[in-house]
Amino acid sequence: MGKAKRAQRLENVGHYLTAFVVFLKGIDKVGTPGKGLYATIFLLIAAAIVFGTVFHHKFERHLKHFKAFVFIFEGVVMAIVGYLYMKEGKQYVQFACFMASIVFFVATVIYFRKAKTAIH
């Protein structure tokens, strides 16, 4: 397996793990009275991440920096999920979410640096 193929698989695993975490947060909100809207939003976000991962090649043809938009979107979502865990009084899981958020933002910077050097 080539380096690019392996990198793409690892990237996909990251997207699926993010979708899984967001999905679990949505399921958690389903059981909370008065949080049905939040549950629906989280479940839709998880579905959108999976959908975007499965069909990323098609979307990249229509949106030049689709990958960067996904990284930014996932970074924001993971920061929100981390904040919610922190607000709920969790002890450690929010730090994993915040770290994932930072990693997505760093990946965005790396993506744009590589795109810039590819142009020149």
PDB file of N, CA and C in Angstrom:
ATOM      1  N   MET A   1       0.851  -1.162   0.000  1.00  0.00           N
ATOM      2  CA  MET A   1       0.000   0.000   0.000  1.00  0.00           C
ATOM      3  C   MET A   1       0.906   1.238   0.000  1.00  0.00           C
ATOM      4  N   GLY A   2       0.589   2.167  -0.893  1.00  0.00           N
ATOM      5  CA  GLY A   2       1.385   3.373  -1.026  1.00  0.00           C
ATOM      6  C   GLY A   2       1.165   4.350   0.119  1.00  0.00           C
ATOM      7  N   LYS A   3       2.087   5.297   0.206  1.00  0.00           N
ATOM      8  CA  LYS A   3       2.035   6.296   1.278  1.00  0.00           C
ATOM      9  C   LYS A   3       0.757   7.140   1.214  1.00  0.00           C
ATOM     10  N   ALA A   4       0.362   7.548   0.017  1.00  0.00           N
ATOM     11  CA  ALA A   4      -0.842   8.373  -0.145  1.00  0.00           C
ATOM     12  C   ALA A   4      -2.095   7.590   0.244  1.00  0.00           C
ATOM     13  N   LYS A   5      -2.142   6.324  -0.138  1.00  0.00           N
ATOM     14  CA  LYS A   5      -3.303   5.487   0.193  1.00  0.00           C
ATOM     15  C   LYS A   5      -3.409   5.278   1.705  1.00  0.00           C
ATOM     16  N   ARG A   6      -2.270   5.056   2.338  1.00  0.00           N
ATOM     17  CA  ARG A   6      -2.250   4.857   3.789  1.00  0.00           C
ATOM     18  C   ARG A   6      -2.675   6.149   4.501  1.00  0.00           C
ATOM     19  N   ALA A   7      -2.193   7.291   4.013  1.00  0.00           N
ATOM     20  CA  ALA A   7      -2.565   8.582   4.605  1.00  0.00           C
ATOM     21  C   ALA A   7      -4.068   8.818   4.461  1.00  0.00           C
ATOM     22  N   GLN A   8      -4.628   8.466   3.316  1.00  0.00           N
ATOM     23  CA  GLN A   8      -6.062   8.647   3.086  1.00  0.00           C
ATOM     24  C   GLN A   8      -6.873   7.754   4.023  1.00  0.00           C
ATOM     25  N   ARG A   9      -6.416   6.539   4.233  1.00  0.00           N
ATOM     26  CA  ARG A   9      -7.126   5.630   5.152  1.00  0.00           C
ATOM     27  C   ARG A   9      -7.087   6.152   6.588  1.00  0.00           C
ATOM     28  N   LEU A  10      -5.929   6.652   7.014  1.00  0.00           N
ATOM     29  CA  LEU A  10      -5.825   7.215   8.362  1.00  0.00           C
ATOM     30  C   LEU A  10      -6.716   8.445   8.514  1.00  0.00           C
ATOM     31  N   GLU A  11      -6.767   9.260   7.482  1.00  0.00           N
ATOM     32  CA  GLU A  11      -7.642  10.425   7.494  1.00  0.00           C
ATOM     33  C   GLU A  11      -9.106  10.000   7.620  1.00  0.00           C
ATOM     34  N   ASN A  12      -9.483   8.984   6.865  1.00  0.00           N
ATOM     35  CA  ASN A  12     -10.856   8.471   6.931  1.00  0.00           C
ATOM     36  C   ASN A  12     -11.177   7.928   8.320  1.00  0.00           C
ATOM     37  N   VAL A  13     -10.231   7.226   8.930  1.00  0.00           N
ATOM     38  CA  VAL A  13     -10.431   6.708  10.286  1.00  0.00           C
ATOM     39  C   VAL A  13     -10.684   7.868  11.238  1.00  0.00           C
ATOM     40  N   GLY A  14      -9.922   8.947  11.083  1.00  0.00           N
ATOM     41  CA  GLY A  14     -10.132  10.131  11.925  1.00  0.00           C
ATOM     42  C   GLY A  14     -11.523  10.711  11.749  1.00  0.00           C
ATOM     43  N   HIS A  15     -11.980  10.772  10.503  1.00  0.00           N
ATOM     44  CA  HIS A  15     -13.327  11.296  10.246  1.00  0.00           C
ATOM     45  C   HIS A  15     -14.393  10.390  10.859  1.00  0.00           C
ATOM     46  N   TYR A  16     -14.239   9.088  10.689  1.00  0.00           N
ATOM     47  CA  TYR A  16     -15.222   8.152  11.240  1.00  0.00           C
ATOM     48  C   TYR A  16     -15.233   8.183  12.771  1.00  0.00           C
ATOM     49  N   LEU A  17     -14.059   8.313  13.387  1.00  0.00           N
ATOM     50  CA  LEU A  17     -14.014   8.416  14.851  1.00  0.00           C
ATOM     51  C   LEU A  17     -14.709   9.693  15.326  1.00  0.00           C
ATOM     52  N   THR A  18     -14.484  10.780  14.595  1.00  0.00           N
ATOM     53  CA  THR A  18     -15.163  12.026  14.940  1.00  0.00           C
ATOM     54  C   THR A  18     -16.667  11.858  14.822  1.00  0.00           C
ATOM     55  N   ALA A  19     -17.108  11.257  13.738  1.00  0.00           N
ATOM     56  CA  ALA A  19     -18.547  11.027  13.550  1.00  0.00           C
ATOM     57  C   ALA A  19     -19.098  10.155  14.679  1.00  0.00           C
ATOM     58  N   PHE A  20     -18.334   9.167  15.097  1.00  0.00           N
ATOM     59  CA  PHE A  20     -18.767   8.279  16.172  1.00  0.00           C
ATOM     60  C   PHE A  20     -18.931   9.043  17.489  1.00  0.00           C
ATOM     61  N   VAL A  21     -17.965   9.894  17.806  1.00  0.00           N
ATOM     62  CA  VAL A  21     -18.041  10.685  19.041  1.00  0.00           C
ATOM     63  C   VAL A  21     -19.253  11.615  18.994  1.00  0.00           C
ATOM     64  N   VAL A  22     -19.459  12.281  17.857  1.00  0.00           N
ATOM     65  CA  VAL A  22     -20.598  13.189  17.719  1.00  0.00           C
ATOM     66  C   VAL A  22     -21.915  12.407  17.780  1.00  0.00           C
ATOM     67  N   PHE A  23     -21.931  11.231  17.164  1.00  0.00           N
ATOM     68  CA  PHE A  23     -23.106  10.365  17.217  1.00  0.00           C
ATOM     69  C   PHE A  23     -23.432   9.980  18.659  1.00  0.00           C
ATOM     70  N   LEU A  24     -22.405   9.595  19.425  1.00  0.00           N
ATOM     71  CA  LEU A  24     -22.625   9.233  20.829  1.00  0.00           C
ATOM     72  C   LEU A  24     -23.159  10.420  21.627  1.00  0.00           C
ATOM     73  N   LYS A  25     -22.663  11.622  21.321  1.00  0.00           N
ATOM     74  CA  LYS A  25     -23.165  12.805  22.014  1.00  0.00           C
ATOM     75  C   LYS A  25     -24.632  13.026  21.646  1.00  0.00           C
ATOM     76  N   GLY A  26     -24.985  12.787  20.402  1.00  0.00           N
ATOM     77  CA  GLY A  26     -26.384  12.900  19.982  1.00  0.00           C
ATOM     78  C   GLY A  26     -27.265  11.891  20.688  1.00  0.00           C
ATOM     79  N   ILE A  27     -26.797  10.668  20.787  1.00  0.00           N
ATOM     80  CA  ILE A  27     -27.551   9.622  21.492  1.00  0.00           C
ATOM     81  C   ILE A  27     -27.704   9.999  22.968  1.00  0.00           C
ATOM     82  N   ASP A  28     -26.652  10.552  23.548  1.00  0.00           N
ATOM     83  CA  ASP A  28     -26.710  10.994  24.938  1.00  0.00           C
ATOM     84  C   ASP A  28     -27.789  12.059  25.122  1.00  0.00           C
ATOM     85  N   LYS A  29     -27.898  12.975  24.171  1.00  0.00           N
ATOM     86  CA  LYS A  29     -28.886  14.054  24.274  1.00  0.00           C
ATOM     87  C   LYS A  29     -30.307  13.548  24.032  1.00  0.00           C
ATOM     88  N   VAL A  30     -30.458  12.441  23.298  1.00  0.00           N
ATOM     89  CA  VAL A  30     -31.792  11.865  23.077  1.00  0.00           C
ATOM     90  C   VAL A  30     -32.421  11.510  24.418  1.00  0.00           C
ATOM     91  N   GLY A  31     -31.618  11.013  25.335  1.00  0.00           N
ATOM     92  CA  GLY A  31     -32.132  10.606  26.634  1.00  0.00           C
ATOM     93  C   GLY A  31     -32.328  11.737  27.625  1.00  0.00           C
ATOM     94  N   THR A  32     -31.978  12.965  27.218  1.00  0.00           N
ATOM     95  CA  THR A  32     -32.103  14.112  28.115  1.00  0.00           C
ATOM     96  C   THR A  32     -33.368  14.892  27.771  1.00  0.00           C
ATOM     97  N   PRO A  33     -34.270  15.039  28.726  1.00  0.00           N
ATOM     98  CA  PRO A  33     -35.508  15.783  28.445  1.00  0.00           C
ATOM     99  C   PRO A  33     -35.216  17.224  28.005  1.00  0.00           C
ATOM    100  N   GLY A  34     -35.911  17.658  26.965  1.00  0.00           N
ATOM    101  CA  GLY A  34     -35.768  19.009  26.457  1.00  0.00           C
ATOM    102  C   GLY A  34     -34.567  19.229  25.556  1.00  0.00           C
ATOM    103  N   LYS A  35     -33.828  18.187  25.252  1.00  0.00           N
ATOM    104  CA  LYS A  35     -32.622  18.313  24.420  1.00  0.00           C
ATOM    105  C   LYS A  35     -32.777  17.614  23.073  1.00  0.00           C
ATOM    106  N   GLY A  36     -34.014  17.412  22.652  1.00  0.00           N
ATOM    107  CA  GLY A  36     -34.272  16.728  21.385  1.00  0.00           C
ATOM    108  C   GLY A  36     -33.696  17.442  20.184  1.00  0.00           C
ATOM    109  N   LEU A  37     -33.736  18.764  20.190  1.00  0.00           N
ATOM    110  CA  LEU A  37     -33.175  19.528  19.065  1.00  0.00           C
ATOM    111  C   LEU A  37     -31.666  19.332  18.994  1.00  0.00           C
ATOM    112  N   TYR A  38     -30.993  19.394  20.149  1.00  0.00           N
ATOM    113  CA  TYR A  38     -29.554  19.169  20.175  1.00  0.00           C
ATOM    114  C   TYR A  38     -29.213  17.761  19.697  1.00  0.00           C
ATOM    115  N   ALA A  39     -30.008  16.800  20.131  1.00  0.00           N
ATOM    116  CA  ALA A  39     -29.792  15.414  19.709  1.00  0.00           C
ATOM    117  C   ALA A  39     -29.889  15.303  18.197  1.00  0.00           C
ATOM    118  N   THR A  40     -30.912  15.908  17.627  1.00  0.00           N
ATOM    119  CA  THR A  40     -31.101  15.865  16.175  1.00  0.00           C
ATOM    120  C   THR A  40     -29.940  16.523  15.453  1.00  0.00           C
ATOM    121  N   ILE A  41     -29.498  17.670  15.956  1.00  0.00           N
ATOM    122  CA  ILE A  41     -28.380  18.382  15.325  1.00  0.00           C
ATOM    123  C   ILE A  41     -27.118  17.520  15.359  1.00  0.00           C
ATOM    124  N   PHE A  42     -26.803  16.950  16.512  1.00  0.00           N
ATOM    125  CA  PHE A  42     -25.602  16.108  16.609  1.00  0.00           C
ATOM    126  C   PHE A  42     -25.695  14.879  15.711  1.00  0.00           C
ATOM    127  N   LEU A  43     -26.854  14.261  15.660  1.00  0.00           N
ATOM    128  CA  LEU A  43     -27.013  13.080  14.803  1.00  0.00           C
ATOM    129  C   LEU A  43     -26.881  13.459  13.327  1.00  0.00           C
ATOM    130  N   LEU A  44     -27.409  14.610  12.945  1.00  0.00           N
ATOM    131  CA  LEU A  44     -27.267  15.073  11.562  1.00  0.00           C
ATOM    132  C   LEU A  44     -25.819  15.423  11.229  1.00  0.00           C
ATOM    133  N   ILE A  45     -25.120  16.034  12.180  1.00  0.00           N
ATOM    134  CA  ILE A  45     -23.701  16.346  11.963  1.00  0.00           C
ATOM    135  C   ILE A  45     -22.897  15.061  11.782  1.00  0.00           C
ATOM    136  N   ALA A  46     -23.166  14.059  12.627  1.00  0.00           N
ATOM    137  CA  ALA A  46     -22.465  12.770  12.497  1.00  0.00           C
ATOM    138  C   ALA A  46     -22.737  12.152  11.133  1.00  0.00           C
ATOM    139  N   ALA A  47     -23.989  12.202  10.684  1.00  0.00           N
ATOM    140  CA  ALA A  47     -24.334  11.658   9.368  1.00  0.00           C
ATOM    141  C   ALA A  47     -23.638  12.448   8.264  1.00  0.00           C
ATOM    142  N   ALA A  48     -23.565  13.765   8.411  1.00  0.00           N
ATOM    143  CA  ALA A  48     -22.905  14.598   7.399  1.00  0.00           C
ATOM    144  C   ALA A  48     -21.419  14.279   7.311  1.00  0.00           C
ATOM    145  N   ILE A  49     -20.781  14.029   8.450  1.00  0.00           N
ATOM    146  CA  ILE A  49     -19.355  13.685   8.441  1.00  0.00           C
ATOM    147  C   ILE A  49     -19.142  12.351   7.730  1.00  0.00           C
ATOM    148  N   VAL A  50     -19.970  11.369   8.037  1.00  0.00           N
ATOM    149  CA  VAL A  50     -19.849  10.064   7.363  1.00  0.00           C
ATOM    150  C   VAL A  50     -20.107  10.220   5.861  1.00  0.00           C
ATOM    151  N   PHE A  51     -21.158  10.942   5.519  1.00  0.00           N
ATOM    152  CA  PHE A  51     -21.504  11.171   4.118  1.00  0.00           C
ATOM    153  C   PHE A  51     -20.358  11.879   3.387  1.00  0.00           C
ATOM    154  N   GLY A  52     -19.795  12.907   4.015  1.00  0.00           N
ATOM    155  CA  GLY A  52     -18.680  13.632   3.411  1.00  0.00           C
ATOM    156  C   GLY A  52     -17.446  12.772   3.252  1.00  0.00           C
ATOM    157  N   THR A  53     -17.224  11.858   4.185  1.00  0.00           N
ATOM    158  CA  THR A  53     -16.069  10.963   4.093  1.00  0.00           C
ATOM    159  C   THR A  53     -16.253   9.949   2.970  1.00  0.00           C
ATOM    160  N   VAL A  54     -17.433   9.400   2.868  1.00  0.00           N
ATOM    161  CA  VAL A  54     -17.704   8.395   1.832  1.00  0.00           C
ATOM    162  C   VAL A  54     -17.631   9.010   0.431  1.00  0.00           C
ATOM    163  N   PHE A  55     -18.159  10.214   0.279  1.00  0.00           N
ATOM    164  CA  PHE A  55     -18.249  10.833  -1.049  1.00  0.00           C
ATOM    165  C   PHE A  55     -17.287  12.007  -1.234  1.00  0.00           C
ATOM    166  N   HIS A  56     -16.172  12.014  -0.505  1.00  0.00           N
ATOM    167  CA  HIS A  56     -15.275  13.164  -0.564  1.00  0.00           C
ATOM    168  C   HIS A  56     -14.699  13.401  -1.955  1.00  0.00           C
ATOM    169  N   HIS A  57     -14.467  12.358  -2.715  1.00  0.00           N
ATOM    170  CA  HIS A  57     -13.910  12.544  -4.062  1.00  0.00           C
ATOM    171  C   HIS A  57     -14.878  13.318  -4.958  1.00  0.00           C
ATOM    172  N   LYS A  58     -16.148  13.029  -4.840  1.00  0.00           N
ATOM    173  CA  LYS A  58     -17.150  13.757  -5.632  1.00  0.00           C
ATOM    174  C   LYS A  58     -17.233  15.219  -5.204  1.00  0.00           C
ATOM    175  N   PHE A  59     -17.195  15.454  -3.893  1.00  0.00           N
ATOM    176  CA  PHE A  59     -17.300  16.821  -3.392  1.00  0.00           C
ATOM    177  C   PHE A  59     -16.057  17.643  -3.733  1.00  0.00           C
ATOM    178  N   GLU A  60     -14.893  16.999  -3.732  1.00  0.00           N
ATOM    179  CA  GLU A  60     -13.651  17.707  -4.044  1.00  0.00           C
ATOM    180  C   GLU A  60     -13.636  18.224  -5.483  1.00  0.00           C
ATOM    181  N   ARG A  61     -14.369  17.582  -6.364  1.00  0.00           N
ATOM    182  CA  ARG A  61     -14.450  18.056  -7.755  1.00  0.00           C
ATOM    183  C   ARG A  61     -15.223  19.367  -7.851  1.00  0.00           C
ATOM    184  N   HIS A  62     -16.167  19.569  -6.939  1.00  0.00           N
ATOM    185  CA  HIS A  62     -17.032  20.743  -6.995  1.00  0.00           C
ATOM    186  C   HIS A  62     -16.591  21.867  -6.048  1.00  0.00           C
ATOM    187  N   LEU A  63     -15.892  21.522  -4.993  1.00  0.00           N
ATOM    188  CA  LEU A  63     -15.446  22.498  -4.009  1.00  0.00           C
ATOM    189  C   LEU A  63     -13.944  22.313  -3.832  1.00  0.00           C
ATOM    190  N   LYS A  64     -13.193  23.287  -4.296  1.00  0.00           N
ATOM    191  CA  LYS A  64     -11.741  23.170  -4.382  1.00  0.00           C
ATOM    192  C   LYS A  64     -11.079  22.730  -3.077  1.00  0.00           C
ATOM    193  N   HIS A  65     -11.418  23.355  -1.980  1.00  0.00           N
ATOM    194  CA  HIS A  65     -10.778  23.048  -0.701  1.00  0.00           C
ATOM    195  C   HIS A  65     -11.740  22.325   0.247  1.00  0.00           C
ATOM    196  N   PHE A  66     -12.450  21.355  -0.277  1.00  0.00           N
ATOM    197  CA  PHE A  66     -13.420  20.605   0.518  1.00  0.00           C
ATOM    198  C   PHE A  66     -12.780  20.007   1.769  1.00  0.00           C
ATOM    199  N   LYS A  67     -11.592  19.447   1.607  1.00  0.00           N
ATOM    200  CA  LYS A  67     -10.904  18.814   2.730  1.00  0.00           C
ATOM    201  C   LYS A  67     -10.663  19.822   3.855  1.00  0.00           C
ATOM    202  N   ALA A  68     -10.258  21.022   3.519  1.00  0.00           N
ATOM    203  CA  ALA A  68     -10.014  22.051   4.532  1.00  0.00           C
ATOM    204  C   ALA A  68     -11.311  22.443   5.237  1.00  0.00           C
ATOM    205  N   PHE A  69     -12.395  22.560   4.487  1.00  0.00           N
ATOM    206  CA  PHE A  69     -13.683  22.884   5.091  1.00  0.00           C
ATOM    207  C   PHE A  69     -14.113  21.799   6.073  1.00  0.00           C
ATOM    208  N   VAL A  70     -13.865  20.553   5.710  1.00  0.00           N
ATOM    209  CA  VAL A  70     -14.216  19.435   6.597  1.00  0.00           C
ATOM    210  C   VAL A  70     -13.379  19.495   7.868  1.00  0.00           C
ATOM    211  N   PHE A  71     -12.073  19.750   7.732  1.00  0.00           N
ATOM    212  CA  PHE A  71     -11.209  19.856   8.912  1.00  0.00           C
ATOM    213  C   PHE A  71     -11.690  20.967   9.845  1.00  0.00           C
ATOM    214  N   ILE A  72     -12.012  22.127   9.285  1.00  0.00           N
ATOM    215  CA  ILE A  72     -12.479  23.246  10.095  1.00  0.00           C
ATOM    216  C   ILE A  72     -13.801  22.895  10.772  1.00  0.00           C
ATOM    217  N   PHE A  73     -14.718  22.327  10.010  1.00  0.00           N
ATOM    218  CA  PHE A  73     -16.028  21.932  10.542  1.00  0.00           C
ATOM    219  C   PHE A  73     -15.865  20.948  11.695  1.00  0.00           C
ATOM    220  N   GLU A  74     -15.044  19.930  11.485  1.00  0.00           N
ATOM    221  CA  GLU A  74     -14.850  18.924  12.529  1.00  0.00           C
ATOM    222  C   GLU A  74     -14.129  19.513  13.740  1.00  0.00           C
ATOM    223  N   GLY A  75     -13.208  20.433  13.508  1.00  0.00           N
ATOM    224  CA  GLY A  75     -12.526  21.089  14.616  1.00  0.00           C
ATOM    225  C   GLY A  75     -13.487  21.877  15.486  1.00  0.00           C
ATOM    226  N   VAL A  76     -14.382  22.607  14.849  1.00  0.00           N
ATOM    227  CA  VAL A  76     -15.385  23.381  15.597  1.00  0.00           C
ATOM    228  C   VAL A  76     -16.332  22.443  16.345  1.00  0.00           C
ATOM    229  N   VAL A  77     -16.792  21.410  15.667  1.00  0.00           N
ATOM    230  CA  VAL A  77     -17.729  20.463  16.297  1.00  0.00           C
ATOM    231  C   VAL A  77     -17.079  19.777  17.495  1.00  0.00           C
ATOM    232  N   MET A  78     -15.841  19.357  17.359  1.00  0.00           N
ATOM    233  CA  MET A  78     -15.178  18.680  18.477  1.00  0.00           C
ATOM    234  C   MET A  78     -14.929  19.648  19.633  1.00  0.00           C
ATOM    235  N   ALA A  79     -14.671  20.910  19.341  1.00  0.00           N
ATOM    236  CA  ALA A  79     -14.523  21.898  20.416  1.00  0.00           C
ATOM    237  C   ALA A  79     -15.848  22.070  21.159  1.00  0.00           C
ATOM    238  N   ILE A  80     -16.936  22.106  20.417  1.00  0.00           N
ATOM    239  CA  ILE A  80     -18.262  22.229  21.042  1.00  0.00           C
ATOM    240  C   ILE A  80     -18.573  21.004  21.897  1.00  0.00           C
ATOM    241  N   VAL A  81     -18.296  19.825  21.366  1.00  0.00           N
ATOM    242  CA  VAL A  81     -18.539  18.597  22.135  1.00  0.00           C
ATOM    243  C   VAL A  81     -17.671  18.584  23.395  1.00  0.00           C
ATOM    244  N   GLY A  82     -16.413  19.003  23.266  1.00  0.00           N
ATOM    245  CA  GLY A  82     -15.535  19.085  24.435  1.00  0.00           C
ATOM    246  C   GLY A  82     -16.063  20.056  25.475  1.00  0.00           C
ATOM    247  N   TYR A  83     -16.552  21.201  24.996  1.00  0.00           N
ATOM    248  CA  TYR A  83     -17.134  22.190  25.909  1.00  0.00           C
ATOM    249  C   TYR A  83     -18.345  21.599  26.637  1.00  0.00           C
ATOM    250  N   LEU A  84     -19.190  20.894  25.908  1.00  0.00           N
ATOM    251  CA  LEU A  84     -20.372  20.296  26.537  1.00  0.00           C
ATOM    252  C   LEU A  84     -19.983  19.252  27.585  1.00  0.00           C
ATOM    253  N   TYR A  85     -18.959  18.445  27.270  1.00  0.00           N
ATOM    254  CA  TYR A  85     -18.491  17.467  28.258  1.00  0.00           C
ATOM    255  C   TYR A  85     -17.946  18.183  29.496  1.00  0.00           C
ATOM    256  N   MET A  86     -17.222  19.273  29.274  1.00  0.00           N
ATOM    257  CA  MET A  86     -16.667  20.024  30.394  1.00  0.00           C
ATOM    258  C   MET A  86     -17.793  20.624  31.242  1.00  0.00           C
ATOM    259  N   LYS A  87     -18.795  21.166  30.564  1.00  0.00           N
ATOM    260  CA  LYS A  87     -19.941  21.764  31.254  1.00  0.00           C
ATOM    261  C   LYS A  87     -20.711  20.713  32.060  1.00  0.00           C
ATOM    262  N   GLU A  88     -20.728  19.478  31.561  1.00  0.00           N
ATOM    263  CA  GLU A  88     -21.427  18.385  32.247  1.00  0.00           C
ATOM    264  C   GLU A  88     -20.605  17.822  33.404  1.00  0.00           C
ATOM    265  N   GLY A  89     -19.386  18.319  33.585  1.00  0.00           N
ATOM    266  CA  GLY A  89     -18.563  17.887  34.712  1.00  0.00           C
ATOM    267  C   GLY A  89     -17.746  16.633  34.455  1.00  0.00           C
ATOM    268  N   LYS A  90     -17.570  16.256  33.206  1.00  0.00           N
ATOM    269  CA  LYS A  90     -16.732  15.085  32.907  1.00  0.00           C
ATOM    270  C   LYS A  90     -15.298  15.403  33.306  1.00  0.00           C
ATOM    271  N   GLN A  91     -14.521  14.362  33.604  1.00  0.00           N
ATOM    272  CA  GLN A  91     -13.176  14.611  34.103  1.00  0.00           C
ATOM    273  C   GLN A  91     -12.103  14.612  33.020  1.00  0.00           C
ATOM    274  N   TYR A  92     -12.195  13.747  32.028  1.00  0.00           N
ATOM    275  CA  TYR A  92     -11.092  13.637  31.082  1.00  0.00           C
ATOM    276  C   TYR A  92     -11.496  13.661  29.614  1.00  0.00           C
ATOM    277  N   VAL A  93     -12.673  13.203  29.287  1.00  0.00           N
ATOM    278  CA  VAL A  93     -13.046  13.024  27.889  1.00  0.00           C
ATOM    279  C   VAL A  93     -13.021  14.342  27.116  1.00  0.00           C
ATOM    280  N   GLN A  94     -13.307  15.447  27.783  1.00  0.00           N
ATOM    281  CA  GLN A  94     -13.303  16.727  27.087  1.00  0.00           C
ATOM    282  C   GLN A  94     -11.910  17.075  26.570  1.00  0.00           C
ATOM    283  N   PHE A  95     -10.864  16.631  27.272  1.00  0.00           N
ATOM    284  CA  PHE A  95      -9.499  16.927  26.819  1.00  0.00           C
ATOM    285  C   PHE A  95      -9.187  16.197  25.517  1.00  0.00           C
ATOM    286  N   ALA A  96      -9.719  14.995  25.351  1.00  0.00           N
ATOM    287  CA  ALA A  96      -9.554  14.275  24.089  1.00  0.00           C
ATOM    288  C   ALA A  96     -10.260  15.026  22.963  1.00  0.00           C
ATOM    289  N   CYS A  97     -11.426  15.562  23.258  1.00  0.00           N
ATOM    290  CA  CYS A  97     -12.159  16.338  22.245  1.00  0.00           C
ATOM    291  C   CYS A  97     -11.416  17.612  21.885  1.00  0.00           C
ATOM    292  N   PHE A  98     -10.891  18.311  22.898  1.00  0.00           N
ATOM    293  CA  PHE A  98     -10.143  19.535  22.626  1.00  0.00           C
ATOM    294  C   PHE A  98      -8.869  19.231  21.831  1.00  0.00           C
ATOM    295  N   MET A  99      -8.211  18.120  22.151  1.00  0.00           N
ATOM    296  CA  MET A  99      -7.005  17.735  21.412  1.00  0.00           C
ATOM    297  C   MET A  99      -7.357  17.419  19.959  1.00  0.00           C
ATOM    298  N   ALA A 100      -8.443  16.709  19.746  1.00  0.00           N
ATOM    299  CA  ALA A 100      -8.877  16.408  18.384  1.00  0.00           C
ATOM    300  C   ALA A 100      -9.181  17.697  17.632  1.00  0.00           C
ATOM    301  N   SER A 101      -9.797  18.644  18.302  1.00  0.00           N
ATOM    302  CA  SER A 101     -10.111  19.928  17.690  1.00  0.00           C
ATOM    303  C   SER A 101      -8.830  20.634  17.249  1.00  0.00           C
ATOM    304  N   ILE A 102      -7.847  20.656  18.118  1.00  0.00           N
ATOM    305  CA  ILE A 102      -6.561  21.285  17.782  1.00  0.00           C
ATOM    306  C   ILE A 102      -5.917  20.573  16.600  1.00  0.00           C
ATOM    307  N   VAL A 103      -5.950  19.254  16.612  1.00  0.00           N
ATOM    308  CA  VAL A 103      -5.353  18.481  15.513  1.00  0.00           C
ATOM    309  C   VAL A 103      -6.041  18.817  14.183  1.00  0.00           C
ATOM    310  N   PHE A 104      -7.364  18.965  14.185  1.00  0.00           N
ATOM    311  CA  PHE A 104      -8.062  19.328  12.949  1.00  0.00           C
ATOM    312  C   PHE A 104      -7.648  20.713  12.461  1.00  0.00           C
ATOM    313  N   PHE A 105      -7.468  21.649  13.374  1.00  0.00           N
ATOM    314  CA  PHE A 105      -7.044  22.990  12.961  1.00  0.00           C
ATOM    315  C   PHE A 105      -5.602  22.973  12.441  1.00  0.00           C
ATOM    316  N   VAL A 106      -4.732  22.186  13.066  1.00  0.00           N
ATOM    317  CA  VAL A 106      -3.359  22.042  12.574  1.00  0.00           C
ATOM    318  C   VAL A 106      -3.372  21.378  11.196  1.00  0.00           C
ATOM    319  N   ALA A 107      -4.213  20.375  11.019  1.00  0.00           N
ATOM    320  CA  ALA A 107      -4.326  19.711   9.716  1.00  0.00           C
ATOM    321  C   ALA A 107      -4.773  20.696   8.635  1.00  0.00           C
ATOM    322  N   THR A 108      -5.631  21.640   9.006  1.00  0.00           N
ATOM    323  CA  THR A 108      -6.073  22.662   8.051  1.00  0.00           C
ATOM    324  C   THR A 108      -4.901  23.531   7.620  1.00  0.00           C
ATOM    325  N   VAL A 109      -4.089  23.954   8.573  1.00  0.00           N
ATOM    326  CA  VAL A 109      -2.910  24.774   8.259  1.00  0.00           C
ATOM    327  C   VAL A 109      -1.960  23.992   7.361  1.00  0.00           C
ATOM    328  N   ILE A 110      -1.704  22.744   7.690  1.00  0.00           N
ATOM    329  CA  ILE A 110      -0.814  21.907   6.880  1.00  0.00           C
ATOM    330  C   ILE A 110      -1.383  21.739   5.476  1.00  0.00           C
ATOM    331  N   TYR A 111      -2.680  21.518   5.386  1.00  0.00           N
ATOM    332  CA  TYR A 111      -3.322  21.366   4.077  1.00  0.00           C
ATOM    333  C   TYR A 111      -3.079  22.602   3.207  1.00  0.00           C
ATOM    334  N   PHE A 112      -3.311  23.788   3.781  1.00  0.00           N
ATOM    335  CA  PHE A 112      -3.147  25.014   2.993  1.00  0.00           C
ATOM    336  C   PHE A 112      -1.686  25.284   2.663  1.00  0.00           C
ATOM    337  N   ARG A 113      -0.786  24.924   3.541  1.00  0.00           N
ATOM    338  CA  ARG A 113       0.655  25.079   3.225  1.00  0.00           C
ATOM    339  C   ARG A 113       1.045  24.174   2.061  1.00  0.00           C
ATOM    340  N   LYS A 114       0.566  22.944   2.088  1.00  0.00           N
ATOM    341  CA  LYS A 114       0.868  22.018   0.986  1.00  0.00           C
ATOM    342  C   LYS A 114       0.222  22.500  -0.308  1.00  0.00           C
ATOM    343  N   ALA A 115      -1.001  23.013  -0.221  1.00  0.00           N
ATOM    344  CA  ALA A 115      -1.686  23.518  -1.407  1.00  0.00           C
ATOM    345  C   ALA A 115      -0.951  24.726  -1.970  1.00  0.00           C
ATOM    346  N   LYS A 116      -0.422  25.565  -1.102  1.00  0.00           N
ATOM    347  CA  LYS A 116       0.309  26.753  -1.551  1.00  0.00           C
ATOM    348  C   LYS A 116       1.611  26.357  -2.254  1.00  0.00           C
ATOM    349  N   THR A 117       2.335  25.391  -1.709  1.00  0.00           N
ATOM    350  CA  THR A 117       3.576  24.968  -2.339  1.00  0.00           C
ATOM    351  C   THR A 117       3.313  24.209  -3.639  1.00  0.00           C
ATOM    352  N   ALA A 118       2.176  23.561  -3.746  1.00  0.00           N
ATOM    353  CA  ALA A 118       1.826  22.848  -4.980  1.00  0.00           C
ATOM    354  C   ALA A 118       1.552  23.832  -6.104  1.00  0.00           C
ATOM    355  N   ILE A 119       1.046  25.006  -5.758  1.00  0.00           N
ATOM    356  CA  ILE A 119       0.738  26.018  -6.777  1.00  0.00           C
ATOM    357  C   ILE A 119       2.018  26.652  -7.318  1.00  0.00           C
ATOM    358  N   HIS A 120       2.988  26.885  -6.423  1.00  0.00           N
ATOM    359  CA  HIS A 120       4.223  27.568  -6.822  1.00  0.00           C
ATOM    360  C   HIS A 120       5.205  26.637  -7.387  1.00  0.00           C
TER     361      HIS A 120
END
